[in-house]
Each structure stands twice: as C-alpha cells, then as structure tokens.
Amino acid sequence: MGPDEAALALERATDQAVEACDGDAWAAVRALLVANAALEEEVARLTSRVSTGYARGRVRTTSTK
C-alpha cells in the first residue's frame, strides 16, 4: 500500500467513525478513545501472560501504577 492509498484508507476510516456516531465528531473521538483504552488493557493482559523465554526478551513488561 503506497502513501496515497494509506491516506485514502485513513480518510475512509475517519468518515466511517464519524458516520457511526451520527455525524458527531466529538462522540466519534470519545468512542475511539474508549476503544483504544480497551485495546491497551487487552495488550497489557496478554503481555503479562507471555513468558519472557517464549518471546525471547522482545516483550517488555511495564509496571502498573
């Protein structure tokens, strides 16, 4: 995928996100932030379950505050 295709795909995804929120850009941003937080939690959960030996040290553990 070239730079023009990537930009076009991003434009389409942006339009779809706003359309999914009935044209409300603020609601679209909020929904994306909520979805991103859920994905970050899932990554953290899965990362904590991967053994360092299996990942050969490529998985960094982060401390939770």
PDB file of N, CA and C in Angstrom:
ATOM      1  N   MET A   1       0.850  -1.173   0.000  1.00  0.00           N
ATOM      2  CA  MET A   1       0.000   0.000   0.000  1.00  0.00           C
ATOM      3  C   MET A   1       0.895   1.235   0.000  1.00  0.00           C
ATOM      4  N   GLY A   2       0.712   2.087  -0.987  1.00  0.00           N
ATOM      5  CA  GLY A   2       1.504   3.304  -1.088  1.00  0.00           C
ATOM      6  C   GLY A   2       0.976   4.399  -0.182  1.00  0.00           C
ATOM      7  N   PRO A   3       1.720   5.502  -0.118  1.00  0.00           N
ATOM      8  CA  PRO A   3       1.317   6.601   0.756  1.00  0.00           C
ATOM      9  C   PRO A   3      -0.059   7.173   0.399  1.00  0.00           C
ATOM     10  N   ASP A   4      -0.354   7.267  -0.889  1.00  0.00           N
ATOM     11  CA  ASP A   4      -1.662   7.798  -1.307  1.00  0.00           C
ATOM     12  C   ASP A   4      -2.788   6.859  -0.895  1.00  0.00           C
ATOM     13  N   GLU A   5      -2.552   5.559  -1.046  1.00  0.00           N
ATOM     14  CA  GLU A   5      -3.569   4.570  -0.658  1.00  0.00           C
ATOM     15  C   GLU A   5      -3.779   4.571   0.855  1.00  0.00           C
ATOM     16  N   ALA A   6      -2.701   4.710   1.609  1.00  0.00           N
ATOM     17  CA  ALA A   6      -2.801   4.753   3.066  1.00  0.00           C
ATOM     18  C   ALA A   6      -3.573   5.992   3.511  1.00  0.00           C
ATOM     19  N   ALA A   7      -3.314   7.112   2.871  1.00  0.00           N
ATOM     20  CA  ALA A   7      -4.022   8.344   3.210  1.00  0.00           C
ATOM     21  C   ALA A   7      -5.508   8.208   2.885  1.00  0.00           C
ATOM     22  N   LEU A   8      -5.825   7.598   1.752  1.00  0.00           N
ATOM     23  CA  LEU A   8      -7.217   7.401   1.365  1.00  0.00           C
ATOM     24  C   LEU A   8      -7.926   6.448   2.336  1.00  0.00           C
ATOM     25  N   ALA A   9      -7.233   5.396   2.753  1.00  0.00           N
ATOM     26  CA  ALA A   9      -7.810   4.448   3.719  1.00  0.00           C
ATOM     27  C   ALA A   9      -8.075   5.141   5.052  1.00  0.00           C
ATOM     28  N   LEU A  10      -7.176   6.021   5.453  1.00  0.00           N
ATOM     29  CA  LEU A  10      -7.359   6.768   6.698  1.00  0.00           C
ATOM     30  C   LEU A  10      -8.557   7.712   6.586  1.00  0.00           C
ATOM     31  N   GLU A  11      -8.699   8.358   5.441  1.00  0.00           N
ATOM     32  CA  GLU A  11      -9.853   9.244   5.211  1.00  0.00           C
ATOM     33  C   GLU A  11     -11.163   8.457   5.302  1.00  0.00           C
ATOM     34  N   ARG A  12     -11.187   7.281   4.676  1.00  0.00           N
ATOM     35  CA  ARG A  12     -12.390   6.445   4.717  1.00  0.00           C
ATOM     36  C   ARG A  12     -12.719   6.012   6.139  1.00  0.00           C
ATOM     37  N   ALA A  13     -11.698   5.578   6.874  1.00  0.00           N
ATOM     38  CA  ALA A  13     -11.906   5.132   8.249  1.00  0.00           C
ATOM     39  C   ALA A  13     -12.405   6.282   9.120  1.00  0.00           C
ATOM     40  N   THR A  14     -11.888   7.476   8.890  1.00  0.00           N
ATOM     41  CA  THR A  14     -12.333   8.646   9.634  1.00  0.00           C
ATOM     42  C   THR A  14     -13.802   8.934   9.346  1.00  0.00           C
ATOM     43  N   ASP A  15     -14.148   8.916   8.071  1.00  0.00           N
ATOM     44  CA  ASP A  15     -15.552   9.135   7.688  1.00  0.00           C
ATOM     45  C   ASP A  15     -16.469   8.094   8.318  1.00  0.00           C
ATOM     46  N   GLN A  16     -16.024   6.840   8.325  1.00  0.00           N
ATOM     47  CA  GLN A  16     -16.839   5.767   8.899  1.00  0.00           C
ATOM     48  C   GLN A  16     -17.035   5.959  10.401  1.00  0.00           C
ATOM     49  N   ALA A  17     -15.997   6.392  11.090  1.00  0.00           N
ATOM     50  CA  ALA A  17     -16.097   6.608  12.536  1.00  0.00           C
ATOM     51  C   ALA A  17     -17.095   7.715  12.846  1.00  0.00           C
ATOM     52  N   VAL A  18     -17.041   8.797  12.079  1.00  0.00           N
ATOM     53  CA  VAL A  18     -17.963   9.911  12.309  1.00  0.00           C
ATOM     54  C   VAL A  18     -19.384   9.502  11.919  1.00  0.00           C
ATOM     55  N   GLU A  19     -19.528   8.782  10.828  1.00  0.00           N
ATOM     56  CA  GLU A  19     -20.847   8.309  10.409  1.00  0.00           C
ATOM     57  C   GLU A  19     -21.462   7.383  11.462  1.00  0.00           C
ATOM     58  N   ALA A  20     -20.640   6.534  12.068  1.00  0.00           N
ATOM     59  CA  ALA A  20     -21.130   5.607  13.093  1.00  0.00           C
ATOM     60  C   ALA A  20     -21.672   6.354  14.306  1.00  0.00           C
ATOM     61  N   CYS A  21     -21.247   7.600  14.482  1.00  0.00           N
ATOM     62  CA  CYS A  21     -21.709   8.416  15.606  1.00  0.00           C
ATOM     63  C   CYS A  21     -22.669   9.497  15.115  1.00  0.00           C
ATOM     64  N   ASP A  22     -23.394   9.199  14.051  1.00  0.00           N
ATOM     65  CA  ASP A  22     -24.408  10.112  13.500  1.00  0.00           C
ATOM     66  C   ASP A  22     -23.857  11.496  13.186  1.00  0.00           C
ATOM     67  N   GLY A  23     -22.622  11.560  12.708  1.00  0.00           N
ATOM     68  CA  GLY A  23     -22.039  12.833  12.297  1.00  0.00           C
ATOM     69  C   GLY A  23     -21.455  13.657  13.421  1.00  0.00           C
ATOM     70  N   ASP A  24     -21.475  13.154  14.643  1.00  0.00           N
ATOM     71  CA  ASP A  24     -20.954  13.887  15.800  1.00  0.00           C
ATOM     72  C   ASP A  24     -19.473  13.548  15.980  1.00  0.00           C
ATOM     73  N   ALA A  25     -18.611  14.484  15.584  1.00  0.00           N
ATOM     74  CA  ALA A  25     -17.161  14.245  15.646  1.00  0.00           C
ATOM     75  C   ALA A  25     -16.685  14.041  17.079  1.00  0.00           C
ATOM     76  N   TRP A  26     -17.253  14.810  18.038  1.00  0.00           N
ATOM     77  CA  TRP A  26     -16.863  14.668  19.445  1.00  0.00           C
ATOM     78  C   TRP A  26     -17.172  13.261  19.939  1.00  0.00           C
ATOM     79  N   ALA A  27     -18.353  12.763  19.593  1.00  0.00           N
ATOM     80  CA  ALA A  27     -18.744  11.412  20.007  1.00  0.00           C
ATOM     81  C   ALA A  27     -17.844  10.369  19.348  1.00  0.00           C
ATOM     82  N   ALA A  28     -17.432  10.622  18.112  1.00  0.00           N
ATOM     83  CA  ALA A  28     -16.546   9.685  17.420  1.00  0.00           C
ATOM     84  C   ALA A  28     -15.182   9.621  18.104  1.00  0.00           C
ATOM     85  N   VAL A  29     -14.653  10.780  18.471  1.00  0.00           N
ATOM     86  CA  VAL A  29     -13.362  10.812  19.178  1.00  0.00           C
ATOM     87  C   VAL A  29     -13.475  10.087  20.510  1.00  0.00           C
ATOM     88  N   ARG A  30     -14.556  10.351  21.232  1.00  0.00           N
ATOM     89  CA  ARG A  30     -14.767   9.687  22.527  1.00  0.00           C
ATOM     90  C   ARG A  30     -14.843   8.175  22.356  1.00  0.00           C
ATOM     91  N   ALA A  31     -15.600   7.713  21.369  1.00  0.00           N
ATOM     92  CA  ALA A  31     -15.734   6.272  21.124  1.00  0.00           C
ATOM     93  C   ALA A  31     -14.391   5.651  20.774  1.00  0.00           C
ATOM     94  N   LEU A  32     -13.596   6.349  19.983  1.00  0.00           N
ATOM     95  CA  LEU A  32     -12.278   5.825  19.616  1.00  0.00           C
ATOM     96  C   LEU A  32     -11.341   5.775  20.815  1.00  0.00           C
ATOM     97  N   LEU A  33     -11.433   6.768  21.699  1.00  0.00           N
ATOM     98  CA  LEU A  33     -10.601   6.754  22.908  1.00  0.00           C
ATOM     99  C   LEU A  33     -10.989   5.604  23.831  1.00  0.00           C
ATOM    100  N   VAL A  34     -12.285   5.360  23.952  1.00  0.00           N
ATOM    101  CA  VAL A  34     -12.751   4.242  24.780  1.00  0.00           C
ATOM    102  C   VAL A  34     -12.276   2.919  24.187  1.00  0.00           C
ATOM    103  N   ALA A  35     -12.405   2.772  22.878  1.00  0.00           N
ATOM    104  CA  ALA A  35     -11.963   1.540  22.215  1.00  0.00           C
ATOM    105  C   ALA A  35     -10.451   1.357  22.362  1.00  0.00           C
ATOM    106  N   ASN A  36      -9.704   2.443  22.238  1.00  0.00           N
ATOM    107  CA  ASN A  36      -8.252   2.369  22.369  1.00  0.00           C
ATOM    108  C   ASN A  36      -7.852   1.946  23.779  1.00  0.00           C
ATOM    109  N   ALA A  37      -8.528   2.485  24.786  1.00  0.00           N
ATOM    110  CA  ALA A  37      -8.225   2.114  26.174  1.00  0.00           C
ATOM    111  C   ALA A  37      -8.494   0.629  26.398  1.00  0.00           C
ATOM    112  N   ALA A  38      -9.580   0.126  25.816  1.00  0.00           N
ATOM    113  CA  ALA A  38      -9.888  -1.302  25.961  1.00  0.00           C
ATOM    114  C   ALA A  38      -8.816  -2.150  25.289  1.00  0.00           C
ATOM    115  N   LEU A  39      -8.350  -1.719  24.137  1.00  0.00           N
ATOM    116  CA  LEU A  39      -7.291  -2.461  23.444  1.00  0.00           C
ATOM    117  C   LEU A  39      -5.982  -2.418  24.219  1.00  0.00           C
ATOM    118  N   GLU A  40      -5.666  -1.276  24.815  1.00  0.00           N
ATOM    119  CA  GLU A  40      -4.448  -1.178  25.626  1.00  0.00           C
ATOM    120  C   GLU A  40      -4.512  -2.122  26.825  1.00  0.00           C
ATOM    121  N   GLU A  41      -5.684  -2.214  27.447  1.00  0.00           N
ATOM    122  CA  GLU A  41      -5.853  -3.139  28.570  1.00  0.00           C
ATOM    123  C   GLU A  41      -5.677  -4.580  28.112  1.00  0.00           C
ATOM    124  N   GLU A  42      -6.204  -4.909  26.943  1.00  0.00           N
ATOM    125  CA  GLU A  42      -6.077  -6.261  26.408  1.00  0.00           C
ATOM    126  C   GLU A  42      -4.616  -6.587  26.097  1.00  0.00           C
ATOM    127  N   VAL A  43      -3.891  -5.647  25.521  1.00  0.00           N
ATOM    128  CA  VAL A  43      -2.471  -5.859  25.237  1.00  0.00           C
ATOM    129  C   VAL A  43      -1.703  -6.075  26.533  1.00  0.00           C
ATOM    130  N   ALA A  44      -1.995  -5.268  27.536  1.00  0.00           N
ATOM    131  CA  ALA A  44      -1.316  -5.418  28.828  1.00  0.00           C
ATOM    132  C   ALA A  44      -1.615  -6.781  29.444  1.00  0.00           C
ATOM    133  N   ARG A  45      -2.879  -7.198  29.358  1.00  0.00           N
ATOM    134  CA  ARG A  45      -3.259  -8.505  29.912  1.00  0.00           C
ATOM    135  C   ARG A  45      -2.540  -9.630  29.179  1.00  0.00           C
ATOM    136  N   LEU A  46      -2.509  -9.572  27.869  1.00  0.00           N
ATOM    137  CA  LEU A  46      -1.863 -10.630  27.100  1.00  0.00           C
ATOM    138  C   LEU A  46      -0.345 -10.608  27.266  1.00  0.00           C
ATOM    139  N   THR A  47       0.224  -9.404  27.345  1.00  0.00           N
ATOM    140  CA  THR A  47       1.669  -9.279  27.537  1.00  0.00           C
ATOM    141  C   THR A  47       2.090  -9.911  28.857  1.00  0.00           C
ATOM    142  N   SER A  48       1.272  -9.739  29.878  1.00  0.00           N
ATOM    143  CA  SER A  48       1.617 -10.300  31.184  1.00  0.00           C
ATOM    144  C   SER A  48       1.564 -11.822  31.182  1.00  0.00           C
ATOM    145  N   ARG A  49       0.869 -12.388  30.213  1.00  0.00           N
ATOM    146  CA  ARG A  49       0.732 -13.842  30.158  1.00  0.00           C
ATOM    147  C   ARG A  49       1.780 -14.514  29.277  1.00  0.00           C
ATOM    148  N   VAL A  50       2.537 -13.738  28.508  1.00  0.00           N
ATOM    149  CA  VAL A  50       3.549 -14.303  27.611  1.00  0.00           C
ATOM    150  C   VAL A  50       4.845 -14.479  28.393  1.00  0.00           C
ATOM    151  N   SER A  51       5.412 -15.676  28.294  1.00  0.00           N
ATOM    152  CA  SER A  51       6.667 -15.905  29.009  1.00  0.00           C
ATOM    153  C   SER A  51       7.807 -15.186  28.304  1.00  0.00           C
ATOM    154  N   THR A  52       8.750 -14.679  29.085  1.00  0.00           N
ATOM    155  CA  THR A  52       9.894 -13.971  28.521  1.00  0.00           C
ATOM    156  C   THR A  52      10.721 -14.899  27.645  1.00  0.00           C
ATOM    157  N   GLY A  53      10.839 -16.155  28.045  1.00  0.00           N
ATOM    158  CA  GLY A  53      11.597 -17.115  27.247  1.00  0.00           C
ATOM    159  C   GLY A  53      10.974 -17.353  25.890  1.00  0.00           C
ATOM    160  N   TYR A  54       9.666 -17.488  25.855  1.00  0.00           N
ATOM    161  CA  TYR A  54       8.963 -17.706  24.586  1.00  0.00           C
ATOM    162  C   TYR A  54       9.116 -16.496  23.671  1.00  0.00           C
ATOM    163  N   ALA A  55       9.029 -15.317  24.241  1.00  0.00           N
ATOM    164  CA  ALA A  55       9.135 -14.092  23.451  1.00  0.00           C
ATOM    165  C   ALA A  55      10.583 -13.708  23.188  1.00  0.00           C
ATOM    166  N   ARG A  56      11.504 -14.453  23.782  1.00  0.00           N
ATOM    167  CA  ARG A  56      12.941 -14.217  23.625  1.00  0.00           C
ATOM    168  C   ARG A  56      13.341 -12.784  23.982  1.00  0.00           C
ATOM    169  N   GLY A  57      12.699 -12.283  25.043  1.00  0.00           N
ATOM    170  CA  GLY A  57      13.054 -10.961  25.539  1.00  0.00           C
ATOM    171  C   GLY A  57      12.466  -9.809  24.751  1.00  0.00           C
ATOM    172  N   ARG A  58      11.660 -10.080  23.723  1.00  0.00           N
ATOM    173  CA  ARG A  58      11.114  -8.993  22.906  1.00  0.00           C
ATOM    174  C   ARG A  58       9.919  -8.317  23.562  1.00  0.00           C
ATOM    175  N   VAL A  59       9.310  -8.953  24.526  1.00  0.00           N
ATOM    176  CA  VAL A  59       8.154  -8.379  25.205  1.00  0.00           C
ATOM    177  C   VAL A  59       8.641  -7.665  26.437  1.00  0.00           C
ATOM    178  N   ARG A  60       8.369  -6.370  26.494  1.00  0.00           N
ATOM    179  CA  ARG A  60       8.783  -5.586  27.645  1.00  0.00           C
ATOM    180  C   ARG A  60       7.628  -5.531  28.636  1.00  0.00           C
ATOM    181  N   THR A  61       7.952  -5.761  29.858  1.00  0.00           N
ATOM    182  CA  THR A  61       6.920  -5.629  30.889  1.00  0.00           C
ATOM    183  C   THR A  61       6.968  -4.215  31.416  1.00  0.00           C
ATOM    184  N   THR A  62       5.814  -3.657  31.676  1.00  0.00           N
ATOM    185  CA  THR A  62       5.738  -2.311  32.232  1.00  0.00           C
ATOM    186  C   THR A  62       5.123  -2.388  33.606  1.00  0.00           C
ATOM    187  N   SER A  63       5.546  -1.513  34.463  1.00  0.00           N
ATOM    188  CA  SER A  63       4.965  -1.508  35.800  1.00  0.00           C
ATOM    189  C   SER A  63       3.672  -0.731  35.767  1.00  0.00           C
ATOM    190  N   THR A  64       2.688  -1.231  36.504  1.00  0.00           N
ATOM    191  CA  THR A  64       1.426  -0.524  36.603  1.00  0.00           C
ATOM    192  C   THR A  64       1.430   0.319  37.844  1.00  0.00           C
ATOM    193  N   LYS A  65       0.890   1.511  37.723  1.00  0.00           N
ATOM    194  CA  LYS A  65       0.893   2.443  38.850  1.00  0.00           C
ATOM    195  C   LYS A  65      -0.446   2.457  39.504  1.00  0.00           C
TER     196      LYS A  65
END
